[in-house]
Amino acid sequence: MATEPDTGDQAPGRRPRRAPTAAERRRDAERSRQALLDAALDEFAAKGFDGARVQEIADRAGVNKQLIAYYFGGKEGLYQEIQRGWPAAEAERADPELPLDEVAARYLAAVLEDPRPARLLVWRGLTGSGTDTDYLAGASTVEADLANLARAQGRGEIAAELDPAFVRMALMGMILAPVMLPETALQATGKEPGSPEFEQYYAAQLRALIRLLGR
């Protein structure tokens, strides 16, 4: 990143301005990139890909909007970058060795802690604004989830008459419901979605319901 040029007109007794080191420039660049990623996730989650504006993202991040093109190649590159780390998090939560109720509870905790990725997922589904990369990544995730659910069914956690594909959709709906329908969740339970009380209550109910799937 460019720094303000030194004109040499220093006031008497004032030390010359020190040029930033390479390490400082890298830290500044990384802070700007991270600020843009956080701001973009806010903007995309609130408005979807089509409704998001690069100027709004830059304003949220407090940086020049030209940095979006500089670091990410534009709005679509920024959109892709904020999703790049998700597969690793998905793999950790969807550990096939864990009981199904524990996997679901982990997903619920992640959604309640930061609902922005879930909202972005719903925007993508409603508007069809995903890219080919999104589709391929999504298909890979679905395939892995169905394989894990088939293992859970083999362990007796899901009744034989239940289709793992249906179970996946039903679980996704239950996990996303507090984020997608917060007012309904509050009215039904008397607990504010996102609060520790709600998470404790909802996770316990989710676990209990999942344990009934194998009966």
N, C-alpha and C. Protein backbone atom coordinates (compact mmCIF):
# COMPACT_ATOMS: atom_id res chain seq x y z
N MET A 1 0.84 -1.19 0.00
CA MET A 1 0.00 0.00 0.00
C MET A 1 0.87 1.24 0.00
N ALA A 2 0.44 2.26 -0.71
CA ALA A 2 1.24 3.48 -0.81
C ALA A 2 1.20 4.23 0.50
N THR A 3 2.29 4.89 0.81
CA THR A 3 2.35 5.73 2.01
C THR A 3 2.45 7.17 1.58
N GLU A 4 2.08 8.06 2.49
CA GLU A 4 2.12 9.48 2.18
C GLU A 4 3.56 9.91 1.95
N PRO A 5 3.83 10.61 0.86
CA PRO A 5 5.22 10.99 0.57
C PRO A 5 5.75 11.98 1.60
N ASP A 6 7.03 11.90 1.84
CA ASP A 6 7.70 12.80 2.76
C ASP A 6 8.22 14.00 1.96
N THR A 7 7.72 15.19 2.27
CA THR A 7 8.12 16.38 1.51
C THR A 7 9.46 16.93 1.98
N GLY A 8 9.89 16.49 3.15
CA GLY A 8 11.16 17.00 3.67
C GLY A 8 11.00 18.29 4.45
N ASP A 9 9.79 18.88 4.47
CA ASP A 9 9.57 20.13 5.18
C ASP A 9 9.20 19.85 6.63
N GLN A 10 10.13 19.32 7.39
CA GLN A 10 9.88 19.00 8.78
C GLN A 10 10.03 20.26 9.63
N ALA A 11 9.15 20.39 10.62
CA ALA A 11 9.27 21.51 11.56
C ALA A 11 10.54 21.36 12.37
N PRO A 12 11.15 22.48 12.78
CA PRO A 12 12.38 22.42 13.58
C PRO A 12 12.17 21.59 14.83
N GLY A 13 13.10 20.71 15.11
CA GLY A 13 13.05 19.90 16.32
C GLY A 13 12.17 18.66 16.20
N ARG A 14 11.46 18.51 15.09
CA ARG A 14 10.59 17.34 14.93
C ARG A 14 11.36 16.25 14.19
N ARG A 15 11.20 15.03 14.67
CA ARG A 15 11.89 13.92 14.04
C ARG A 15 11.32 13.63 12.65
N PRO A 16 12.17 13.25 11.71
CA PRO A 16 11.66 12.88 10.37
C PRO A 16 10.69 11.70 10.48
N ARG A 17 9.69 11.73 9.64
CA ARG A 17 8.71 10.64 9.63
C ARG A 17 9.38 9.35 9.19
N ARG A 18 9.15 8.28 9.99
CA ARG A 18 9.76 6.99 9.69
C ARG A 18 8.89 6.22 8.71
N ALA A 19 9.48 5.72 7.66
CA ALA A 19 8.74 4.90 6.70
C ALA A 19 8.37 3.58 7.35
N PRO A 20 7.17 3.06 7.08
CA PRO A 20 6.78 1.78 7.69
C PRO A 20 7.66 0.64 7.19
N THR A 21 7.91 -0.31 8.05
CA THR A 21 8.70 -1.48 7.67
C THR A 21 7.84 -2.41 6.83
N ALA A 22 8.53 -3.39 6.22
CA ALA A 22 7.79 -4.36 5.41
C ALA A 22 6.80 -5.13 6.26
N ALA A 23 7.20 -5.47 7.50
CA ALA A 23 6.30 -6.21 8.39
C ALA A 23 5.08 -5.37 8.75
N GLU A 24 5.29 -4.07 8.97
CA GLU A 24 4.16 -3.19 9.29
C GLU A 24 3.21 -3.06 8.10
N ARG A 25 3.77 -3.00 6.90
CA ARG A 25 2.92 -2.91 5.71
C ARG A 25 2.10 -4.18 5.55
N ARG A 26 2.74 -5.33 5.82
CA ARG A 26 1.99 -6.60 5.73
C ARG A 26 0.86 -6.65 6.74
N ARG A 27 1.14 -6.17 7.97
CA ARG A 27 0.09 -6.16 8.99
C ARG A 27 -1.04 -5.23 8.59
N ASP A 28 -0.71 -4.07 8.05
CA ASP A 28 -1.74 -3.14 7.60
C ASP A 28 -2.59 -3.75 6.48
N ALA A 29 -1.91 -4.43 5.55
CA ALA A 29 -2.63 -5.06 4.44
C ALA A 29 -3.55 -6.15 4.95
N GLU A 30 -3.05 -6.94 5.90
CA GLU A 30 -3.88 -8.03 6.43
C GLU A 30 -5.07 -7.48 7.21
N ARG A 31 -4.85 -6.39 7.95
CA ARG A 31 -5.98 -5.77 8.66
C ARG A 31 -7.03 -5.26 7.68
N SER A 32 -6.59 -4.66 6.58
CA SER A 32 -7.53 -4.15 5.57
C SER A 32 -8.30 -5.30 4.92
N ARG A 33 -7.59 -6.39 4.59
CA ARG A 33 -8.24 -7.55 3.98
C ARG A 33 -9.28 -8.14 4.93
N GLN A 34 -8.91 -8.29 6.20
CA GLN A 34 -9.83 -8.89 7.16
C GLN A 34 -11.03 -7.98 7.41
N ALA A 35 -10.79 -6.67 7.46
CA ALA A 35 -11.89 -5.73 7.64
C ALA A 35 -12.87 -5.83 6.47
N LEU A 36 -12.34 -5.99 5.25
CA LEU A 36 -13.21 -6.13 4.09
C LEU A 36 -13.98 -7.45 4.11
N LEU A 37 -13.33 -8.52 4.55
CA LEU A 37 -14.02 -9.81 4.63
C LEU A 37 -15.15 -9.76 5.65
N ASP A 38 -14.89 -9.17 6.80
CA ASP A 38 -15.94 -9.06 7.82
C ASP A 38 -17.08 -8.18 7.34
N ALA A 39 -16.74 -7.06 6.73
CA ALA A 39 -17.76 -6.14 6.23
C ALA A 39 -18.57 -6.78 5.10
N ALA A 40 -17.89 -7.53 4.24
CA ALA A 40 -18.58 -8.18 3.13
C ALA A 40 -19.56 -9.23 3.64
N LEU A 41 -19.16 -9.98 4.66
CA LEU A 41 -20.07 -10.98 5.21
C LEU A 41 -21.31 -10.31 5.80
N ASP A 42 -21.11 -9.18 6.48
CA ASP A 42 -22.25 -8.40 6.98
C ASP A 42 -23.17 -8.00 5.83
N GLU A 43 -22.59 -7.44 4.78
CA GLU A 43 -23.36 -6.89 3.66
C GLU A 43 -24.06 -8.00 2.87
N PHE A 44 -23.33 -9.08 2.56
CA PHE A 44 -23.94 -10.17 1.81
C PHE A 44 -25.04 -10.86 2.61
N ALA A 45 -24.82 -11.02 3.91
CA ALA A 45 -25.83 -11.66 4.75
C ALA A 45 -27.09 -10.81 4.85
N ALA A 46 -26.92 -9.50 4.85
CA ALA A 46 -28.07 -8.60 4.97
C ALA A 46 -28.83 -8.42 3.66
N LYS A 47 -28.11 -8.44 2.51
CA LYS A 47 -28.73 -8.07 1.25
C LYS A 47 -28.58 -9.10 0.14
N GLY A 48 -27.84 -10.17 0.37
CA GLY A 48 -27.57 -11.11 -0.70
C GLY A 48 -26.49 -10.59 -1.63
N PHE A 49 -26.03 -11.45 -2.53
CA PHE A 49 -24.96 -11.05 -3.44
C PHE A 49 -25.40 -9.92 -4.36
N ASP A 50 -26.60 -10.04 -4.94
CA ASP A 50 -27.06 -9.05 -5.90
C ASP A 50 -27.31 -7.69 -5.25
N GLY A 51 -27.80 -7.69 -4.02
CA GLY A 51 -28.13 -6.44 -3.36
C GLY A 51 -26.94 -5.75 -2.71
N ALA A 52 -25.86 -6.48 -2.51
CA ALA A 52 -24.68 -5.91 -1.85
C ALA A 52 -23.98 -4.92 -2.78
N ARG A 53 -23.45 -3.86 -2.21
CA ARG A 53 -22.75 -2.83 -2.97
C ARG A 53 -21.32 -2.68 -2.45
N VAL A 54 -20.37 -2.60 -3.38
CA VAL A 54 -18.97 -2.54 -2.98
C VAL A 54 -18.69 -1.27 -2.16
N GLN A 55 -19.37 -0.18 -2.47
CA GLN A 55 -19.14 1.04 -1.70
C GLN A 55 -19.60 0.87 -0.26
N GLU A 56 -20.73 0.18 -0.08
CA GLU A 56 -21.21 -0.08 1.28
C GLU A 56 -20.24 -0.98 2.04
N ILE A 57 -19.69 -1.97 1.35
CA ILE A 57 -18.72 -2.87 1.99
C ILE A 57 -17.49 -2.07 2.41
N ALA A 58 -16.99 -1.24 1.52
CA ALA A 58 -15.81 -0.42 1.83
C ALA A 58 -16.10 0.53 2.98
N ASP A 59 -17.29 1.14 2.99
CA ASP A 59 -17.65 2.05 4.07
C ASP A 59 -17.71 1.32 5.41
N ARG A 60 -18.29 0.12 5.40
CA ARG A 60 -18.35 -0.67 6.63
C ARG A 60 -16.94 -0.99 7.14
N ALA A 61 -16.05 -1.29 6.18
CA ALA A 61 -14.67 -1.66 6.55
C ALA A 61 -13.81 -0.45 6.87
N GLY A 62 -14.23 0.75 6.42
CA GLY A 62 -13.45 1.96 6.65
C GLY A 62 -12.23 2.05 5.76
N VAL A 63 -12.34 1.52 4.54
CA VAL A 63 -11.20 1.56 3.60
C VAL A 63 -11.71 2.04 2.24
N ASN A 64 -10.77 2.32 1.34
CA ASN A 64 -11.10 2.72 -0.01
C ASN A 64 -11.66 1.52 -0.78
N LYS A 65 -12.73 1.73 -1.54
CA LYS A 65 -13.35 0.60 -2.25
C LYS A 65 -12.44 0.01 -3.33
N GLN A 66 -11.42 0.76 -3.76
CA GLN A 66 -10.49 0.22 -4.75
C GLN A 66 -9.72 -0.98 -4.20
N LEU A 67 -9.63 -1.08 -2.87
CA LEU A 67 -8.92 -2.22 -2.28
C LEU A 67 -9.66 -3.53 -2.51
N ILE A 68 -10.97 -3.48 -2.76
CA ILE A 68 -11.72 -4.71 -3.05
C ILE A 68 -11.21 -5.33 -4.35
N ALA A 69 -11.02 -4.49 -5.36
CA ALA A 69 -10.47 -4.99 -6.62
C ALA A 69 -9.01 -5.39 -6.45
N TYR A 70 -8.27 -4.63 -5.65
CA TYR A 70 -6.83 -4.88 -5.48
C TYR A 70 -6.59 -6.23 -4.80
N TYR A 71 -7.34 -6.50 -3.73
CA TYR A 71 -7.11 -7.73 -2.96
C TYR A 71 -7.89 -8.93 -3.49
N PHE A 72 -9.09 -8.70 -4.03
CA PHE A 72 -9.98 -9.82 -4.35
C PHE A 72 -10.43 -9.87 -5.81
N GLY A 73 -10.05 -8.88 -6.59
CA GLY A 73 -10.45 -8.87 -7.99
C GLY A 73 -11.87 -8.40 -8.23
N GLY A 74 -12.54 -7.93 -7.20
CA GLY A 74 -13.89 -7.43 -7.37
C GLY A 74 -14.86 -8.09 -6.40
N LYS A 75 -16.12 -7.77 -6.59
CA LYS A 75 -17.18 -8.22 -5.68
C LYS A 75 -17.30 -9.75 -5.66
N GLU A 76 -17.26 -10.39 -6.83
CA GLU A 76 -17.41 -11.85 -6.87
C GLU A 76 -16.23 -12.54 -6.19
N GLY A 77 -15.03 -12.02 -6.40
CA GLY A 77 -13.86 -12.60 -5.74
C GLY A 77 -13.95 -12.48 -4.23
N LEU A 78 -14.47 -11.37 -3.75
CA LEU A 78 -14.67 -11.17 -2.32
C LEU A 78 -15.70 -12.15 -1.80
N TYR A 79 -16.77 -12.33 -2.56
CA TYR A 79 -17.83 -13.28 -2.19
C TYR A 79 -17.27 -14.70 -2.07
N GLN A 80 -16.43 -15.08 -3.01
CA GLN A 80 -15.84 -16.41 -2.96
C GLN A 80 -14.86 -16.56 -1.80
N GLU A 81 -14.11 -15.50 -1.53
CA GLU A 81 -13.09 -15.58 -0.48
C GLU A 81 -13.70 -15.79 0.90
N ILE A 82 -14.83 -15.15 1.18
CA ILE A 82 -15.41 -15.31 2.52
C ILE A 82 -15.94 -16.73 2.72
N GLN A 83 -16.14 -17.49 1.63
CA GLN A 83 -16.62 -18.86 1.77
C GLN A 83 -15.50 -19.89 1.74
N ARG A 84 -14.28 -19.43 1.48
CA ARG A 84 -13.19 -20.36 1.26
C ARG A 84 -12.83 -21.19 2.49
N GLY A 85 -13.01 -20.60 3.67
CA GLY A 85 -12.64 -21.34 4.89
C GLY A 85 -13.75 -22.21 5.44
N TRP A 86 -14.93 -22.15 4.83
CA TRP A 86 -16.06 -22.90 5.37
C TRP A 86 -15.92 -24.41 5.28
N PRO A 87 -15.39 -24.99 4.19
CA PRO A 87 -15.30 -26.46 4.13
C PRO A 87 -14.54 -27.07 5.31
N ALA A 88 -13.47 -26.40 5.76
CA ALA A 88 -12.70 -26.94 6.89
C ALA A 88 -13.56 -26.94 8.15
N ALA A 89 -14.31 -25.86 8.36
CA ALA A 89 -15.19 -25.79 9.54
C ALA A 89 -16.30 -26.84 9.43
N GLU A 90 -16.82 -27.03 8.22
CA GLU A 90 -17.86 -28.04 8.01
C GLU A 90 -17.33 -29.42 8.35
N ALA A 91 -16.13 -29.73 7.89
CA ALA A 91 -15.56 -31.05 8.13
C ALA A 91 -15.35 -31.30 9.62
N GLU A 92 -14.97 -30.27 10.36
CA GLU A 92 -14.76 -30.43 11.80
C GLU A 92 -16.07 -30.69 12.52
N ARG A 93 -17.11 -29.94 12.14
CA ARG A 93 -18.41 -30.12 12.80
C ARG A 93 -19.05 -31.45 12.42
N ALA A 94 -18.86 -31.88 11.17
CA ALA A 94 -19.52 -33.08 10.67
C ALA A 94 -18.66 -34.32 10.83
N ASP A 95 -17.93 -34.43 11.91
CA ASP A 95 -17.08 -35.59 12.17
C ASP A 95 -17.94 -36.86 12.15
N PRO A 96 -17.68 -37.79 11.21
CA PRO A 96 -18.53 -38.98 11.09
C PRO A 96 -18.45 -39.91 12.28
N GLU A 97 -17.46 -39.74 13.14
CA GLU A 97 -17.33 -40.59 14.31
C GLU A 97 -18.20 -40.13 15.47
N LEU A 98 -18.73 -38.92 15.38
CA LEU A 98 -19.55 -38.38 16.46
C LEU A 98 -20.99 -38.84 16.34
N PRO A 99 -21.70 -38.97 17.47
CA PRO A 99 -23.13 -39.25 17.40
C PRO A 99 -23.86 -38.14 16.65
N LEU A 100 -24.96 -38.49 16.00
CA LEU A 100 -25.67 -37.53 15.17
C LEU A 100 -26.18 -36.35 15.99
N ASP A 101 -26.64 -36.58 17.22
CA ASP A 101 -27.15 -35.47 18.02
C ASP A 101 -26.04 -34.48 18.37
N GLU A 102 -24.81 -34.97 18.53
CA GLU A 102 -23.68 -34.08 18.82
C GLU A 102 -23.33 -33.25 17.59
N VAL A 103 -23.36 -33.86 16.42
CA VAL A 103 -23.09 -33.13 15.18
C VAL A 103 -24.11 -32.01 15.01
N ALA A 104 -25.39 -32.33 15.21
CA ALA A 104 -26.44 -31.32 15.06
C ALA A 104 -26.27 -30.19 16.07
N ALA A 105 -25.90 -30.54 17.31
CA ALA A 105 -25.71 -29.52 18.34
C ALA A 105 -24.54 -28.60 17.98
N ARG A 106 -23.50 -29.15 17.37
CA ARG A 106 -22.37 -28.32 16.93
C ARG A 106 -22.79 -27.35 15.83
N TYR A 107 -23.57 -27.83 14.88
CA TYR A 107 -24.06 -26.93 13.83
C TYR A 107 -24.94 -25.84 14.42
N LEU A 108 -25.80 -26.20 15.34
CA LEU A 108 -26.68 -25.22 15.97
C LEU A 108 -25.87 -24.16 16.69
N ALA A 109 -24.87 -24.57 17.46
CA ALA A 109 -24.03 -23.61 18.18
C ALA A 109 -23.34 -22.65 17.22
N ALA A 110 -22.85 -23.18 16.09
CA ALA A 110 -22.17 -22.33 15.11
C ALA A 110 -23.14 -21.33 14.49
N VAL A 111 -24.35 -21.77 14.17
CA VAL A 111 -25.35 -20.89 13.55
C VAL A 111 -25.78 -19.79 14.52
N LEU A 112 -25.98 -20.15 15.78
CA LEU A 112 -26.40 -19.15 16.77
C LEU A 112 -25.27 -18.17 17.10
N GLU A 113 -24.03 -18.66 17.09
CA GLU A 113 -22.90 -17.79 17.41
C GLU A 113 -22.69 -16.74 16.32
N ASP A 114 -22.80 -17.16 15.06
CA ASP A 114 -22.64 -16.23 13.93
C ASP A 114 -23.64 -16.62 12.86
N PRO A 115 -24.82 -15.98 12.84
CA PRO A 115 -25.85 -16.36 11.88
C PRO A 115 -25.60 -15.87 10.45
N ARG A 116 -24.56 -15.09 10.23
CA ARG A 116 -24.36 -14.51 8.90
C ARG A 116 -24.17 -15.55 7.79
N PRO A 117 -23.34 -16.58 7.99
CA PRO A 117 -23.21 -17.58 6.92
C PRO A 117 -24.53 -18.28 6.60
N ALA A 118 -25.35 -18.53 7.64
CA ALA A 118 -26.65 -19.17 7.41
C ALA A 118 -27.55 -18.26 6.59
N ARG A 119 -27.55 -16.97 6.91
CA ARG A 119 -28.38 -16.03 6.15
C ARG A 119 -27.90 -15.94 4.70
N LEU A 120 -26.59 -15.97 4.51
CA LEU A 120 -26.06 -15.93 3.16
C LEU A 120 -26.48 -17.17 2.37
N LEU A 121 -26.48 -18.32 3.05
CA LEU A 121 -26.92 -19.56 2.41
C LEU A 121 -28.37 -19.46 1.96
N VAL A 122 -29.21 -18.88 2.81
CA VAL A 122 -30.63 -18.73 2.47
C VAL A 122 -30.81 -17.74 1.32
N TRP A 123 -30.07 -16.63 1.35
CA TRP A 123 -30.12 -15.68 0.24
C TRP A 123 -29.80 -16.38 -1.08
N ARG A 124 -28.75 -17.21 -1.03
CA ARG A 124 -28.32 -17.91 -2.25
C ARG A 124 -29.42 -18.81 -2.77
N GLY A 125 -30.11 -19.48 -1.83
CA GLY A 125 -31.19 -20.36 -2.24
C GLY A 125 -32.40 -19.61 -2.78
N LEU A 126 -32.70 -18.47 -2.18
CA LEU A 126 -33.88 -17.71 -2.61
C LEU A 126 -33.67 -17.00 -3.95
N THR A 127 -32.46 -16.54 -4.18
CA THR A 127 -32.21 -15.72 -5.37
C THR A 127 -31.52 -16.47 -6.49
N GLY A 128 -30.98 -17.65 -6.19
CA GLY A 128 -30.24 -18.39 -7.20
C GLY A 128 -29.00 -17.66 -7.65
N SER A 129 -28.38 -16.90 -6.72
CA SER A 129 -27.24 -16.07 -7.09
C SER A 129 -25.89 -16.77 -6.92
N GLY A 130 -25.91 -18.05 -6.60
CA GLY A 130 -24.65 -18.76 -6.43
C GLY A 130 -23.92 -18.97 -7.75
N THR A 131 -22.63 -19.19 -7.66
CA THR A 131 -21.82 -19.42 -8.84
C THR A 131 -21.64 -20.93 -9.07
N ASP A 132 -21.01 -21.29 -10.17
CA ASP A 132 -20.72 -22.70 -10.44
C ASP A 132 -19.85 -23.28 -9.33
N THR A 133 -18.93 -22.47 -8.80
CA THR A 133 -18.08 -22.93 -7.71
C THR A 133 -18.92 -23.24 -6.48
N ASP A 134 -19.91 -22.38 -6.18
CA ASP A 134 -20.81 -22.63 -5.06
C ASP A 134 -21.54 -23.95 -5.24
N TYR A 135 -22.02 -24.18 -6.46
CA TYR A 135 -22.80 -25.39 -6.73
C TYR A 135 -21.94 -26.63 -6.52
N LEU A 136 -20.73 -26.61 -7.04
CA LEU A 136 -19.86 -27.77 -6.91
C LEU A 136 -19.48 -28.01 -5.45
N ALA A 137 -19.18 -26.93 -4.72
CA ALA A 137 -18.84 -27.07 -3.30
C ALA A 137 -20.04 -27.58 -2.52
N GLY A 138 -21.23 -27.06 -2.87
CA GLY A 138 -22.44 -27.52 -2.19
C GLY A 138 -22.72 -28.98 -2.46
N ALA A 139 -22.54 -29.40 -3.69
CA ALA A 139 -22.77 -30.80 -4.05
C ALA A 139 -21.82 -31.71 -3.30
N SER A 140 -20.58 -31.28 -3.14
CA SER A 140 -19.60 -32.07 -2.40
C SER A 140 -19.99 -32.19 -0.94
N THR A 141 -20.47 -31.09 -0.36
CA THR A 141 -20.90 -31.10 1.04
C THR A 141 -22.09 -32.03 1.24
N VAL A 142 -23.06 -31.94 0.33
CA VAL A 142 -24.25 -32.80 0.43
C VAL A 142 -23.84 -34.27 0.35
N GLU A 143 -22.96 -34.59 -0.57
CA GLU A 143 -22.51 -35.98 -0.73
C GLU A 143 -21.85 -36.49 0.56
N ALA A 144 -21.00 -35.66 1.17
CA ALA A 144 -20.34 -36.06 2.41
C ALA A 144 -21.35 -36.22 3.53
N ASP A 145 -22.31 -35.28 3.62
CA ASP A 145 -23.33 -35.36 4.67
C ASP A 145 -24.17 -36.62 4.54
N LEU A 146 -24.57 -36.96 3.32
CA LEU A 146 -25.39 -38.15 3.12
C LEU A 146 -24.61 -39.41 3.48
N ALA A 147 -23.32 -39.43 3.18
CA ALA A 147 -22.50 -40.58 3.57
C ALA A 147 -22.42 -40.71 5.09
N ASN A 148 -22.28 -39.57 5.78
CA ASN A 148 -22.23 -39.59 7.24
C ASN A 148 -23.56 -40.04 7.84
N LEU A 149 -24.66 -39.58 7.23
CA LEU A 149 -25.98 -39.99 7.72
C LEU A 149 -26.22 -41.48 7.47
N ALA A 150 -25.70 -42.00 6.38
CA ALA A 150 -25.83 -43.43 6.11
C ALA A 150 -25.06 -44.23 7.17
N ARG A 151 -23.91 -43.70 7.60
CA ARG A 151 -23.17 -44.36 8.68
C ARG A 151 -23.97 -44.31 9.98
N ALA A 152 -24.57 -43.17 10.26
CA ALA A 152 -25.39 -43.05 11.46
C ALA A 152 -26.56 -44.02 11.40
N GLN A 153 -27.13 -44.18 10.23
CA GLN A 153 -28.23 -45.14 10.08
C GLN A 153 -27.73 -46.56 10.32
N GLY A 154 -26.53 -46.85 9.84
CA GLY A 154 -25.93 -48.15 10.09
C GLY A 154 -25.67 -48.42 11.56
N ARG A 155 -25.44 -47.36 12.34
CA ARG A 155 -25.23 -47.51 13.78
C ARG A 155 -26.55 -47.59 14.55
N GLY A 156 -27.67 -47.46 13.83
CA GLY A 156 -28.96 -47.53 14.48
C GLY A 156 -29.48 -46.20 14.98
N GLU A 157 -28.85 -45.08 14.58
CA GLU A 157 -29.29 -43.77 15.05
C GLU A 157 -30.44 -43.22 14.22
N ILE A 158 -30.67 -43.79 13.04
CA ILE A 158 -31.76 -43.37 12.16
C ILE A 158 -32.52 -44.63 11.75
N ALA A 159 -33.83 -44.61 11.92
CA ALA A 159 -34.64 -45.78 11.57
C ALA A 159 -34.49 -46.12 10.09
N ALA A 160 -34.60 -47.41 9.80
CA ALA A 160 -34.37 -47.88 8.44
C ALA A 160 -35.34 -47.29 7.43
N GLU A 161 -36.58 -46.96 7.88
CA GLU A 161 -37.57 -46.43 6.94
C GLU A 161 -37.37 -44.95 6.61
N LEU A 162 -36.44 -44.29 7.27
CA LEU A 162 -36.17 -42.88 7.00
C LEU A 162 -35.06 -42.74 5.96
N ASP A 163 -35.29 -41.89 4.97
CA ASP A 163 -34.31 -41.62 3.93
C ASP A 163 -33.31 -40.59 4.46
N PRO A 164 -31.99 -40.89 4.43
CA PRO A 164 -31.00 -39.92 4.90
C PRO A 164 -31.13 -38.55 4.23
N ALA A 165 -31.55 -38.50 2.95
CA ALA A 165 -31.72 -37.22 2.28
C ALA A 165 -32.80 -36.39 2.97
N PHE A 166 -33.90 -37.03 3.33
CA PHE A 166 -34.96 -36.32 4.03
C PHE A 166 -34.49 -35.88 5.42
N VAL A 167 -33.78 -36.75 6.11
CA VAL A 167 -33.28 -36.43 7.45
C VAL A 167 -32.37 -35.21 7.38
N ARG A 168 -31.52 -35.15 6.37
CA ARG A 168 -30.62 -33.99 6.22
C ARG A 168 -31.42 -32.70 6.06
N MET A 169 -32.41 -32.71 5.20
CA MET A 169 -33.21 -31.51 4.98
C MET A 169 -33.97 -31.12 6.24
N ALA A 170 -34.51 -32.11 6.95
CA ALA A 170 -35.26 -31.81 8.16
C ALA A 170 -34.36 -31.22 9.24
N LEU A 171 -33.17 -31.78 9.39
CA LEU A 171 -32.24 -31.26 10.38
C LEU A 171 -31.78 -29.85 10.03
N MET A 172 -31.51 -29.61 8.74
CA MET A 172 -31.12 -28.27 8.33
C MET A 172 -32.22 -27.26 8.65
N GLY A 173 -33.47 -27.65 8.39
CA GLY A 173 -34.58 -26.76 8.68
C GLY A 173 -34.67 -26.43 10.16
N MET A 174 -34.50 -27.44 11.00
CA MET A 174 -34.58 -27.22 12.45
C MET A 174 -33.43 -26.34 12.94
N ILE A 175 -32.24 -26.55 12.40
CA ILE A 175 -31.08 -25.78 12.85
C ILE A 175 -31.16 -24.34 12.38
N LEU A 176 -31.67 -24.12 11.17
CA LEU A 176 -31.75 -22.77 10.63
C LEU A 176 -32.97 -22.00 11.14
N ALA A 177 -33.96 -22.68 11.65
CA ALA A 177 -35.22 -22.03 12.02
C ALA A 177 -35.05 -20.85 12.98
N PRO A 178 -34.23 -20.95 14.05
CA PRO A 178 -34.11 -19.80 14.95
C PRO A 178 -33.54 -18.55 14.30
N VAL A 179 -32.70 -18.74 13.28
CA VAL A 179 -32.11 -17.60 12.58
C VAL A 179 -33.07 -17.05 11.53
N MET A 180 -33.76 -17.94 10.84
CA MET A 180 -34.66 -17.51 9.78
C MET A 180 -36.00 -17.00 10.31
N LEU A 181 -36.43 -17.51 11.45
CA LEU A 181 -37.73 -17.14 12.04
C LEU A 181 -37.55 -16.75 13.51
N PRO A 182 -36.74 -15.73 13.78
CA PRO A 182 -36.45 -15.39 15.18
C PRO A 182 -37.69 -14.97 15.98
N GLU A 183 -38.60 -14.23 15.35
CA GLU A 183 -39.80 -13.80 16.07
C GLU A 183 -40.67 -14.99 16.44
N THR A 184 -40.82 -15.92 15.50
CA THR A 184 -41.59 -17.13 15.77
C THR A 184 -40.95 -17.93 16.89
N ALA A 185 -39.62 -18.05 16.85
CA ALA A 185 -38.91 -18.78 17.89
C ALA A 185 -39.12 -18.14 19.26
N LEU A 186 -39.07 -16.81 19.30
CA LEU A 186 -39.29 -16.10 20.56
C LEU A 186 -40.72 -16.29 21.06
N GLN A 187 -41.69 -16.15 20.15
CA GLN A 187 -43.09 -16.31 20.54
C GLN A 187 -43.39 -17.72 21.03
N ALA A 188 -42.77 -18.72 20.39
CA ALA A 188 -43.06 -20.11 20.72
C ALA A 188 -42.40 -20.54 22.02
N THR A 189 -41.19 -20.05 22.26
CA THR A 189 -40.41 -20.55 23.41
C THR A 189 -40.32 -19.56 24.56
N GLY A 190 -40.56 -18.26 24.28
CA GLY A 190 -40.38 -17.25 25.31
C GLY A 190 -38.93 -16.93 25.58
N LYS A 191 -38.05 -17.41 24.71
CA LYS A 191 -36.61 -17.19 24.88
C LYS A 191 -36.06 -16.52 23.62
N GLU A 192 -35.15 -15.59 23.82
CA GLU A 192 -34.58 -14.84 22.71
C GLU A 192 -33.56 -15.69 21.96
N PRO A 193 -33.77 -15.95 20.65
CA PRO A 193 -32.76 -16.68 19.88
C PRO A 193 -31.40 -15.99 19.97
N GLY A 194 -30.37 -16.77 20.19
CA GLY A 194 -29.03 -16.22 20.36
C GLY A 194 -28.63 -16.07 21.81
N SER A 195 -29.60 -16.13 22.72
CA SER A 195 -29.27 -16.05 24.14
C SER A 195 -28.80 -17.41 24.64
N PRO A 196 -28.01 -17.45 25.71
CA PRO A 196 -27.58 -18.74 26.27
C PRO A 196 -28.76 -19.62 26.69
N GLU A 197 -29.82 -18.98 27.20
CA GLU A 197 -31.00 -19.75 27.63
C GLU A 197 -31.66 -20.45 26.44
N PHE A 198 -31.77 -19.72 25.33
CA PHE A 198 -32.38 -20.33 24.14
C PHE A 198 -31.51 -21.46 23.62
N GLU A 199 -30.21 -21.23 23.51
CA GLU A 199 -29.34 -22.27 22.97
C GLU A 199 -29.38 -23.53 23.83
N GLN A 200 -29.36 -23.37 25.14
CA GLN A 200 -29.40 -24.53 26.03
C GLN A 200 -30.71 -25.30 25.84
N TYR A 201 -31.82 -24.55 25.81
CA TYR A 201 -33.13 -25.18 25.64
C TYR A 201 -33.24 -25.87 24.28
N TYR A 202 -32.90 -25.14 23.22
CA TYR A 202 -33.11 -25.64 21.87
C TYR A 202 -32.19 -26.82 21.57
N ALA A 203 -30.95 -26.74 22.03
CA ALA A 203 -30.01 -27.85 21.80
C ALA A 203 -30.49 -29.11 22.50
N ALA A 204 -31.02 -28.96 23.72
CA ALA A 204 -31.51 -30.14 24.45
C ALA A 204 -32.70 -30.76 23.73
N GLN A 205 -33.62 -29.92 23.22
CA GLN A 205 -34.77 -30.44 22.48
C GLN A 205 -34.35 -31.08 21.17
N LEU A 206 -33.38 -30.47 20.49
CA LEU A 206 -32.88 -31.01 19.23
C LEU A 206 -32.23 -32.37 19.45
N ARG A 207 -31.41 -32.47 20.48
CA ARG A 207 -30.77 -33.76 20.79
C ARG A 207 -31.81 -34.83 21.10
N ALA A 208 -32.82 -34.47 21.90
CA ALA A 208 -33.85 -35.44 22.27
C ALA A 208 -34.61 -35.93 21.04
N LEU A 209 -34.95 -35.01 20.14
CA LEU A 209 -35.68 -35.39 18.94
C LEU A 209 -34.83 -36.28 18.05
N ILE A 210 -33.56 -35.98 17.92
CA ILE A 210 -32.69 -36.79 17.07
C ILE A 210 -32.53 -38.20 17.64
N ARG A 211 -32.46 -38.30 18.96
CA ARG A 211 -32.33 -39.63 19.55
C ARG A 211 -33.57 -40.48 19.29
N LEU A 212 -34.71 -39.83 19.06
CA LEU A 212 -35.93 -40.58 18.75
C LEU A 212 -35.95 -41.11 17.31
N LEU A 213 -35.06 -40.59 16.46
CA LEU A 213 -35.05 -41.01 15.05
C LEU A 213 -34.71 -42.48 14.89
N GLY A 214 -34.00 -43.03 15.84
CA GLY A 214 -33.58 -44.42 15.71
C GLY A 214 -34.58 -45.42 16.29
N ARG A 215 -35.66 -44.92 16.87
CA ARG A 215 -36.61 -45.84 17.51
C ARG A 215 -37.63 -46.39 16.51
